[in-house]
Amino acid sequence: MSITEYPAEQVGAQPIGYWSGAAYRAVVGRIRAELAFEQLTQPHWWTLNHVGGAPGTWNRADLADRLQPYDDLGIELEDVFDDLIERGWLSEDDDAFSLTPAGEAGLARARERNAGAHAETLDGIDPADYVTTINTLRRMIANLGGDSDLTS
């Protein structure tokens, strides 16, 4: 998809608040739409990824503490955990979560959908430009006293 080209001076005068917000809404909207195919929210996705990456090490309290800062929808994480258990995607044994085979399959399907969305998002963007963009946003966040460390 092509975009209209503008002079650097005109682009440089644009408000970062508007453009970062517009980018957030477009990118996160697409991610949420892809996850909806599996009846997942982003907190479901985060839960599956964390548990899948470290089976048997996350309990409810620790995982809720880890994920809470990312939730901008006010979703109750306990409800997400219970939903995944009721679906048979997550098991809870000895106060620790693990993915079930159904959970591993669901996570794989969601990863595939999100990978497609990510590829479409980055279509026509030089990888070096993407790195510059992320580092520029990180610098702005740090300049304003925020946490500019990369997410894990």
C-alpha atoms as a PDB file:
ATOM      1  CA  MET A   1       0.000   0.000   0.000  1.00  0.00           C
ATOM      2  CA  SER A   2       1.412   3.383  -0.911  1.00  0.00           C
ATOM      3  CA  ILE A   3       1.289   6.515   1.194  1.00  0.00           C
ATOM      4  CA  THR A   4       1.428  10.145   0.179  1.00  0.00           C
ATOM      5  CA  GLU A   5       4.909  11.616   0.432  1.00  0.00           C
ATOM      6  CA  TYR A   6       5.345  15.000   2.142  1.00  0.00           C
ATOM      7  CA  PRO A   7       8.342  17.288   2.614  1.00  0.00           C
ATOM      8  CA  ALA A   8      10.474  16.464   5.680  1.00  0.00           C
ATOM      9  CA  GLU A   9       9.694  19.867   7.236  1.00  0.00           C
ATOM     10  CA  GLN A  10       5.965  19.155   7.051  1.00  0.00           C
ATOM     11  CA  VAL A  11       6.310  15.644   8.490  1.00  0.00           C
ATOM     12  CA  GLY A  12       8.646  16.912  11.232  1.00  0.00           C
ATOM     13  CA  ALA A  13       6.016  19.410  12.369  1.00  0.00           C
ATOM     14  CA  GLN A  14       3.409  16.684  12.979  1.00  0.00           C
ATOM     15  CA  PRO A  15       2.293  15.964  16.575  1.00  0.00           C
ATOM     16  CA  ILE A  16       3.829  12.755  17.930  1.00  0.00           C
ATOM     17  CA  GLY A  17       0.893  12.299  20.308  1.00  0.00           C
ATOM     18  CA  TYR A  18      -1.532  12.055  17.419  1.00  0.00           C
ATOM     19  CA  TRP A  19       0.622   9.725  15.298  1.00  0.00           C
ATOM     20  CA  SER A  20       1.679   7.424  18.134  1.00  0.00           C
ATOM     21  CA  GLY A  21      -1.967   7.154  19.200  1.00  0.00           C
ATOM     22  CA  ALA A  22      -3.159   6.509  15.637  1.00  0.00           C
ATOM     23  CA  ALA A  23      -0.487   3.837  15.215  1.00  0.00           C
ATOM     24  CA  TYR A  24      -1.456   2.241  18.539  1.00  0.00           C
ATOM     25  CA  ARG A  25      -5.131   2.111  17.604  1.00  0.00           C
ATOM     26  CA  ALA A  26      -4.409   0.632  14.160  1.00  0.00           C
ATOM     27  CA  VAL A  27      -1.845  -1.953  15.293  1.00  0.00           C
ATOM     28  CA  VAL A  28      -3.567  -3.039  18.501  1.00  0.00           C
ATOM     29  CA  GLY A  29      -6.941  -3.035  16.754  1.00  0.00           C
ATOM     30  CA  ARG A  30      -5.563  -5.452  14.178  1.00  0.00           C
ATOM     31  CA  ILE A  31      -3.975  -7.667  16.844  1.00  0.00           C
ATOM     32  CA  ARG A  32      -7.227  -7.761  18.804  1.00  0.00           C
ATOM     33  CA  ALA A  33      -9.189  -8.608  15.646  1.00  0.00           C
ATOM     34  CA  GLU A  34      -6.833 -11.515  14.880  1.00  0.00           C
ATOM     35  CA  LEU A  35      -7.066 -12.817  18.441  1.00  0.00           C
ATOM     36  CA  ALA A  36     -10.857 -12.616  18.304  1.00  0.00           C
ATOM     37  CA  PHE A  37     -10.820 -15.436  15.735  1.00  0.00           C
ATOM     38  CA  GLU A  38      -9.831 -17.692  18.657  1.00  0.00           C
ATOM     39  CA  GLN A  39     -12.168 -15.861  21.080  1.00  0.00           C
ATOM     40  CA  LEU A  40      -9.094 -14.432  22.808  1.00  0.00           C
ATOM     41  CA  THR A  41      -8.341 -11.030  24.277  1.00  0.00           C
ATOM     42  CA  GLN A  42      -4.854  -9.624  24.609  1.00  0.00           C
ATOM     43  CA  PRO A  43      -4.704 -10.750  28.267  1.00  0.00           C
ATOM     44  CA  HIS A  44      -5.513 -14.298  27.072  1.00  0.00           C
ATOM     45  CA  TRP A  45      -2.658 -13.972  24.552  1.00  0.00           C
ATOM     46  CA  TRP A  46      -0.229 -12.671  27.172  1.00  0.00           C
ATOM     47  CA  THR A  47      -1.191 -15.477  29.543  1.00  0.00           C
ATOM     48  CA  LEU A  48      -0.707 -18.173  26.914  1.00  0.00           C
ATOM     49  CA  ASN A  49       2.659 -16.752  25.836  1.00  0.00           C
ATOM     50  CA  HIS A  50       4.019 -16.420  29.355  1.00  0.00           C
ATOM     51  CA  VAL A  51       2.852 -19.855  30.453  1.00  0.00           C
ATOM     52  CA  GLY A  52       3.982 -21.443  27.184  1.00  0.00           C
ATOM     53  CA  GLY A  53       7.400 -19.859  27.573  1.00  0.00           C
ATOM     54  CA  ALA A  54       7.913 -21.081  31.131  1.00  0.00           C
ATOM     55  CA  PRO A  55       5.562 -23.995  31.890  1.00  0.00           C
ATOM     56  CA  GLY A  56       4.991 -24.776  35.532  1.00  0.00           C
ATOM     57  CA  THR A  57       6.607 -21.576  36.821  1.00  0.00           C
ATOM     58  CA  TRP A  58       3.748 -19.033  36.780  1.00  0.00           C
ATOM     59  CA  ASN A  59       1.117 -18.954  39.498  1.00  0.00           C
ATOM     60  CA  ARG A  60      -1.960 -16.715  39.571  1.00  0.00           C
ATOM     61  CA  ALA A  61      -0.520 -13.950  41.727  1.00  0.00           C
ATOM     62  CA  ASP A  62       2.834 -13.699  39.944  1.00  0.00           C
ATOM     63  CA  LEU A  63       1.309 -13.810  36.472  1.00  0.00           C
ATOM     64  CA  ALA A  64      -1.352 -11.234  37.368  1.00  0.00           C
ATOM     65  CA  ASP A  65       1.360  -8.920  38.746  1.00  0.00           C
ATOM     66  CA  ARG A  66       3.414  -9.389  35.564  1.00  0.00           C
ATOM     67  CA  LEU A  67       0.536  -8.761  33.140  1.00  0.00           C
ATOM     68  CA  GLN A  68      -1.428  -6.025  34.935  1.00  0.00           C
ATOM     69  CA  PRO A  69       0.705  -3.100  33.653  1.00  0.00           C
ATOM     70  CA  TYR A  70      -0.116  -4.021  30.035  1.00  0.00           C
ATOM     71  CA  ASP A  71      -3.911  -4.181  30.449  1.00  0.00           C
ATOM     72  CA  ASP A  72      -5.605  -1.033  29.158  1.00  0.00           C
ATOM     73  CA  LEU A  73      -9.112  -2.514  29.080  1.00  0.00           C
ATOM     74  CA  GLY A  74      -9.615  -3.244  32.772  1.00  0.00           C
ATOM     75  CA  ILE A  75      -9.987  -6.959  32.161  1.00  0.00           C
ATOM     76  CA  GLU A  76      -9.964  -9.058  35.315  1.00  0.00           C
ATOM     77  CA  LEU A  77      -7.014 -11.409  34.900  1.00  0.00           C
ATOM     78  CA  GLU A  78      -8.481 -13.995  37.273  1.00  0.00           C
ATOM     79  CA  ASP A  79     -11.404 -14.298  34.840  1.00  0.00           C
ATOM     80  CA  VAL A  80      -8.953 -14.794  31.951  1.00  0.00           C
ATOM     81  CA  PHE A  81      -7.122 -17.539  33.839  1.00  0.00           C
ATOM     82  CA  ASP A  82     -10.407 -19.246  34.728  1.00  0.00           C
ATOM     83  CA  ASP A  83     -11.648 -18.969  31.133  1.00  0.00           C
ATOM     84  CA  LEU A  84      -8.525 -20.640  29.774  1.00  0.00           C
ATOM     85  CA  ILE A  85      -8.827 -23.414  32.364  1.00  0.00           C
ATOM     86  CA  GLU A  86     -12.527 -23.912  31.512  1.00  0.00           C
ATOM     87  CA  ARG A  87     -11.662 -24.127  27.796  1.00  0.00           C
ATOM     88  CA  GLY A  88      -9.113 -26.802  28.592  1.00  0.00           C
ATOM     89  CA  TRP A  89      -6.226 -24.671  27.313  1.00  0.00           C
ATOM     90  CA  LEU A  90      -4.551 -24.131  30.678  1.00  0.00           C
ATOM     91  CA  SER A  91      -4.043 -26.432  33.636  1.00  0.00           C
ATOM     92  CA  GLU A  92      -3.266 -25.404  37.185  1.00  0.00           C
ATOM     93  CA  ASP A  93      -1.363 -27.960  39.219  1.00  0.00           C
ATOM     94  CA  ASP A  94       0.503 -27.357  42.469  1.00  0.00           C
ATOM     95  CA  ASP A  95      -0.235 -23.609  42.203  1.00  0.00           C
ATOM     96  CA  ALA A  96       1.415 -23.368  38.758  1.00  0.00           C
ATOM     97  CA  PHE A  97       0.040 -23.020  35.226  1.00  0.00           C
ATOM     98  CA  SER A  98       0.893 -25.134  32.186  1.00  0.00           C
ATOM     99  CA  LEU A  99      -0.556 -25.225  28.696  1.00  0.00           C
ATOM    100  CA  THR A 100      -2.552 -28.265  27.711  1.00  0.00           C
ATOM    101  CA  PRO A 101      -2.203 -29.719  24.207  1.00  0.00           C
ATOM    102  CA  ALA A 102      -5.341 -27.751  23.240  1.00  0.00           C
ATOM    103  CA  GLY A 103      -3.737 -24.595  24.663  1.00  0.00           C
ATOM    104  CA  GLU A 104      -0.528 -25.214  22.736  1.00  0.00           C
ATOM    105  CA  ALA A 105      -2.549 -25.667  19.533  1.00  0.00           C
ATOM    106  CA  GLY A 106      -4.591 -22.520  20.196  1.00  0.00           C
ATOM    107  CA  LEU A 107      -1.461 -20.527  20.917  1.00  0.00           C
ATOM    108  CA  ALA A 108       0.119 -21.784  17.698  1.00  0.00           C
ATOM    109  CA  ARG A 109      -2.951 -20.726  15.685  1.00  0.00           C
ATOM    110  CA  ALA A 110      -3.006 -17.296  17.327  1.00  0.00           C
ATOM    111  CA  ARG A 111       0.739 -16.867  16.745  1.00  0.00           C
ATOM    112  CA  GLU A 112       0.277 -17.661  13.065  1.00  0.00           C
ATOM    113  CA  ARG A 113      -2.524 -15.102  12.713  1.00  0.00           C
ATOM    114  CA  ASN A 114      -0.535 -12.458  14.586  1.00  0.00           C
ATOM    115  CA  ALA A 115       2.574 -13.174  12.503  1.00  0.00           C
ATOM    116  CA  GLY A 116       0.549 -12.433   9.391  1.00  0.00           C
ATOM    117  CA  ALA A 117      -0.717  -9.182  10.881  1.00  0.00           C
ATOM    118  CA  HIS A 118       2.831  -8.250  11.917  1.00  0.00           C
ATOM    119  CA  ALA A 119       4.158  -8.927   8.421  1.00  0.00           C
ATOM    120  CA  GLU A 120       1.397  -6.794   6.906  1.00  0.00           C
ATOM    121  CA  THR A 121       2.103  -4.022   9.416  1.00  0.00           C
ATOM    122  CA  LEU A 122       5.785  -3.938   8.436  1.00  0.00           C
ATOM    123  CA  ASP A 123       5.233  -4.297   4.674  1.00  0.00           C
ATOM    124  CA  GLY A 124       7.397  -1.758   2.842  1.00  0.00           C
ATOM    125  CA  ILE A 125       9.301  -0.724   5.981  1.00  0.00           C
ATOM    126  CA  ASP A 126      13.063  -1.176   5.973  1.00  0.00           C
ATOM    127  CA  PRO A 127      14.121  -3.153   9.081  1.00  0.00           C
ATOM    128  CA  ALA A 128      16.621  -0.410   9.965  1.00  0.00           C
ATOM    129  CA  ASP A 129      13.820   2.179   9.837  1.00  0.00           C
ATOM    130  CA  TYR A 130      11.750   0.025  12.175  1.00  0.00           C
ATOM    131  CA  VAL A 131      14.632  -0.171  14.659  1.00  0.00           C
ATOM    132  CA  THR A 132      15.075   3.607  14.416  1.00  0.00           C
ATOM    133  CA  THR A 133      11.359   4.111  15.047  1.00  0.00           C
ATOM    134  CA  ILE A 134      11.349   1.911  18.135  1.00  0.00           C
ATOM    135  CA  ASN A 135      14.498   3.568  19.497  1.00  0.00           C
ATOM    136  CA  THR A 136      13.052   7.025  18.819  1.00  0.00           C
ATOM    137  CA  LEU A 137       9.895   6.158  20.743  1.00  0.00           C
ATOM    138  CA  ARG A 138      11.997   4.679  23.549  1.00  0.00           C
ATOM    139  CA  ARG A 139      14.021   7.913  23.737  1.00  0.00           C
ATOM    140  CA  MET A 140      10.813   9.995  23.925  1.00  0.00           C
ATOM    141  CA  ILE A 141       9.500   7.775  26.701  1.00  0.00           C
ATOM    142  CA  ALA A 142      12.788   8.057  28.628  1.00  0.00           C
ATOM    143  CA  ASN A 143      12.834  11.834  28.110  1.00  0.00           C
ATOM    144  CA  LEU A 144       9.449  11.997  29.810  1.00  0.00           C
ATOM    145  CA  GLY A 145      10.482   9.793  32.728  1.00  0.00           C
ATOM    146  CA  GLY A 146       8.889   6.566  31.510  1.00  0.00           C
ATOM    147  CA  ASP A 147      10.228   3.029  31.315  1.00  0.00           C
ATOM    148  CA  SER A 148      12.024   2.711  27.975  1.00  0.00           C
ATOM    149  CA  ASP A 149      13.343  -0.806  28.534  1.00  0.00           C
ATOM    150  CA  LEU A 150      12.363  -3.416  25.998  1.00  0.00           C
ATOM    151  CA  THR A 151       9.525  -5.744  26.936  1.00  0.00           C
ATOM    152  CA  SER A 152      10.226  -9.404  27.514  1.00  0.00           C
END
